[in-house]
Amino acid sequence: MKKITLIICLLACISFAQTSIFAGLGQAYHGLVGVEQTFLNGHLSANAHWLGYDSDYDFMGGAGVAYRFNGLTGPYVFHSSEFLTGRTNDHIFHEELGGVKEDRFYYWRLVFGFGLQHMFNEHLGMFFETGFEFYAGDGGYYTYLDMDDGGLSKDKIAFPMAFGLVVKL
């Protein structure tokens, strides 16, 4: 009986889901571009997004989840998790290899924060958000990623901000 109730609840959530696409500047919950599903009368959102492009990074993408207190218009809290992979610019000359050794990196980026979204009409809105980010990689947790050389640091703290447009389909 519990399985039937769970299946009915899942189907109800999917049937009342709203899909939206977004584009923004910054790297908090929404990322650069992505798609979002909103459930439970606009209170729970999940997205898949792409953070951006950099020639030193092979992949910069992830997923996020947000709880919206007042539906699609109003404040929300979020968590975003991204996977970053690429190569460092710390080129070390190795005599044994006869050239430059390039080191690869694989990092998880975790962001927790809050935002504000306002829908101008039923289909068009904008958002602003900020958060606290930290990185898991190289056997530890760090608070800053130097995007130029791919190195992690605990000396700096970054608070990512983003703003952009949302189009509800």
Protein backbone atom coordinates (compact mmCIF):
# COMPACT_ATOMS: atom_id res chain seq x y z
CA MET A 1 0.00 0.00 0.00
CA LYS A 2 2.86 2.37 0.77
CA LYS A 3 4.32 1.85 -2.69
CA ILE A 4 1.03 2.72 -4.37
CA THR A 5 0.75 5.92 -2.31
CA LEU A 6 4.33 6.85 -3.20
CA ILE A 7 3.71 6.25 -6.90
CA ILE A 8 0.55 8.38 -6.82
CA CYS A 9 2.42 11.19 -5.06
CA LEU A 10 5.27 11.06 -7.58
CA LEU A 11 2.87 11.11 -10.53
CA ALA A 12 0.99 14.04 -8.99
CA CYS A 13 4.24 15.98 -8.56
CA ILE A 14 5.27 15.32 -12.14
CA SER A 15 1.86 16.17 -13.57
CA PHE A 16 1.83 19.58 -11.85
CA ALA A 17 5.46 20.37 -12.62
CA GLN A 18 6.47 23.56 -14.38
CA THR A 19 9.48 23.70 -16.68
CA SER A 20 11.59 26.80 -17.15
CA ILE A 21 14.87 27.71 -18.78
CA PHE A 22 17.27 30.35 -17.53
CA ALA A 23 20.31 32.33 -18.55
CA GLY A 24 22.37 34.46 -16.23
CA LEU A 25 25.68 35.96 -15.29
CA GLY A 26 27.51 34.56 -12.29
CA GLN A 27 27.96 31.15 -10.74
CA ALA A 28 25.59 30.53 -7.87
CA TYR A 29 22.49 28.25 -8.05
CA HIS A 30 21.42 28.84 -11.65
CA GLY A 31 24.78 28.90 -13.42
CA LEU A 32 25.17 30.31 -16.92
CA VAL A 33 22.37 28.39 -18.68
CA GLY A 34 20.14 25.50 -17.70
CA VAL A 35 16.72 23.99 -17.28
CA GLU A 36 14.62 23.80 -14.12
CA GLN A 37 11.61 21.78 -12.96
CA THR A 38 9.39 23.26 -10.24
CA PHE A 39 7.07 21.09 -8.15
CA LEU A 40 4.65 21.44 -5.23
CA ASN A 41 2.86 24.56 -6.45
CA GLY A 42 6.11 26.40 -7.16
CA HIS A 43 7.78 25.69 -3.81
CA LEU A 44 10.42 23.06 -4.72
CA SER A 45 12.76 23.41 -7.70
CA ALA A 46 15.48 21.21 -9.16
CA ASN A 47 17.75 22.17 -12.03
CA ALA A 48 20.58 21.03 -14.25
CA HIS A 49 22.96 23.77 -15.35
CA TRP A 50 26.21 24.59 -17.07
CA LEU A 51 28.56 26.98 -15.27
CA GLY A 52 30.33 28.40 -18.29
CA TYR A 53 33.23 27.89 -20.63
CA ASP A 54 36.96 28.09 -20.04
CA SER A 55 39.56 26.53 -22.34
CA ASP A 56 41.38 24.98 -19.34
CA TYR A 57 38.25 23.20 -18.11
CA ASP A 58 36.76 20.15 -19.78
CA PHE A 59 33.46 20.18 -17.89
CA MET A 60 31.82 22.70 -15.58
CA GLY A 61 28.26 21.61 -14.85
CA GLY A 62 26.00 20.41 -12.12
CA ALA A 63 22.61 20.29 -10.46
CA GLY A 64 20.81 22.24 -7.79
CA VAL A 65 17.77 22.18 -5.56
CA ALA A 66 15.89 25.15 -4.09
CA TYR A 67 13.02 25.67 -1.67
CA ARG A 68 10.90 28.68 -2.59
CA PHE A 69 9.00 30.13 0.35
CA ASN A 70 6.33 31.99 -1.69
CA GLY A 71 6.34 30.09 -4.96
CA LEU A 72 8.08 31.39 -8.08
CA THR A 73 7.98 35.04 -6.95
CA GLY A 74 9.85 35.69 -3.74
CA PRO A 75 12.84 34.52 -1.71
CA TYR A 76 14.38 31.05 -1.83
CA VAL A 77 17.22 29.05 -0.30
CA PHE A 78 19.32 26.76 -2.46
CA HIS A 79 22.05 24.17 -2.67
CA SER A 80 24.04 23.67 -5.83
CA SER A 81 26.59 20.95 -6.57
CA GLU A 82 28.91 21.06 -9.57
CA PHE A 83 31.66 18.89 -10.99
CA LEU A 84 34.71 20.66 -12.42
CA THR A 85 37.41 18.92 -14.38
CA GLY A 86 40.31 20.21 -16.44
CA ARG A 87 44.05 20.78 -16.37
CA THR A 88 46.20 23.11 -14.31
CA ASN A 89 48.42 25.80 -15.76
CA ASP A 90 51.24 24.90 -13.38
CA HIS A 91 53.45 23.49 -16.12
CA ILE A 92 56.31 21.60 -14.50
CA PHE A 93 59.27 20.60 -16.63
CA HIS A 94 60.19 16.93 -16.21
CA GLU A 95 63.56 15.85 -17.55
CA GLU A 96 62.53 12.18 -17.44
CA LEU A 97 59.46 12.82 -19.56
CA GLY A 98 61.33 15.13 -21.89
CA GLY A 99 58.86 17.97 -21.64
CA VAL A 100 56.10 19.63 -19.69
CA LYS A 101 53.83 17.61 -17.43
CA GLU A 102 50.21 18.71 -17.27
CA ASP A 103 48.29 17.86 -14.11
CA ARG A 104 44.59 17.07 -14.30
CA PHE A 105 42.14 18.01 -11.57
CA TYR A 106 38.70 16.85 -10.51
CA TYR A 107 36.83 19.05 -8.02
CA TRP A 108 33.35 19.15 -6.50
CA ARG A 109 31.99 22.65 -5.94
CA LEU A 110 29.25 23.04 -3.31
CA VAL A 111 27.27 26.26 -2.91
CA PHE A 112 24.69 27.08 -0.23
CA GLY A 113 22.83 30.37 -0.35
CA PHE A 114 19.70 32.39 -0.85
CA GLY A 115 18.12 34.29 -3.70
CA LEU A 116 15.19 36.37 -4.81
CA GLN A 117 13.16 35.77 -7.95
CA HIS A 118 10.45 37.98 -9.38
CA MET A 119 8.12 36.90 -12.17
CA PHE A 120 6.97 39.93 -14.20
CA ASN A 121 4.19 37.91 -15.80
CA GLU A 122 3.31 34.24 -16.11
CA HIS A 123 6.30 33.43 -18.34
CA LEU A 124 9.11 35.95 -17.75
CA GLY A 125 11.07 36.74 -14.62
CA MET A 126 14.46 37.60 -13.23
CA PHE A 127 16.57 36.39 -10.30
CA PHE A 128 19.36 37.57 -8.02
CA GLU A 129 21.23 35.20 -5.70
CA THR A 130 24.30 34.91 -3.53
CA GLY A 131 25.84 32.11 -1.52
CA PHE A 132 28.85 30.56 0.17
CA GLU A 133 30.96 28.12 -1.83
CA PHE A 134 33.52 25.52 -0.94
CA TYR A 135 35.39 22.88 -2.91
CA ALA A 136 36.19 19.23 -2.29
CA GLY A 137 39.33 18.03 -4.03
CA ASP A 138 42.97 17.10 -3.57
CA GLY A 139 42.12 15.25 -0.35
CA GLY A 140 40.54 18.16 1.51
CA TYR A 141 38.02 20.98 1.62
CA TYR A 142 38.86 24.46 0.36
CA THR A 143 37.12 27.82 0.19
CA TYR A 144 38.59 29.26 -3.01
CA LEU A 145 39.41 28.11 -6.54
CA ASP A 146 41.83 30.16 -8.62
CA MET A 147 40.20 29.87 -12.05
CA ASP A 148 43.42 30.90 -13.81
CA ASP A 149 45.66 28.08 -12.61
CA GLY A 150 43.13 25.56 -11.24
CA GLY A 151 44.60 25.67 -7.72
CA LEU A 152 42.61 25.41 -4.49
CA SER A 153 43.22 27.59 -1.44
CA LYS A 154 41.97 28.04 2.12
CA ASP A 155 43.32 31.60 2.33
CA LYS A 156 40.43 33.33 0.54
CA ILE A 157 36.66 33.10 0.81
CA ALA A 158 34.37 33.75 -2.16
CA PHE A 159 30.68 34.58 -2.10
CA PRO A 160 29.38 33.90 -5.61
CA MET A 161 26.61 36.14 -6.92
CA ALA A 162 24.44 35.77 -9.98
CA PHE A 163 21.56 37.45 -11.75
CA GLY A 164 19.65 36.60 -14.87
CA LEU A 165 16.40 35.89 -16.69
CA VAL A 166 13.94 33.01 -16.28
CA VAL A 167 11.50 31.93 -18.98
CA LYS A 168 8.74 29.57 -17.85
CA LEU A 169 7.62 27.27 -20.66
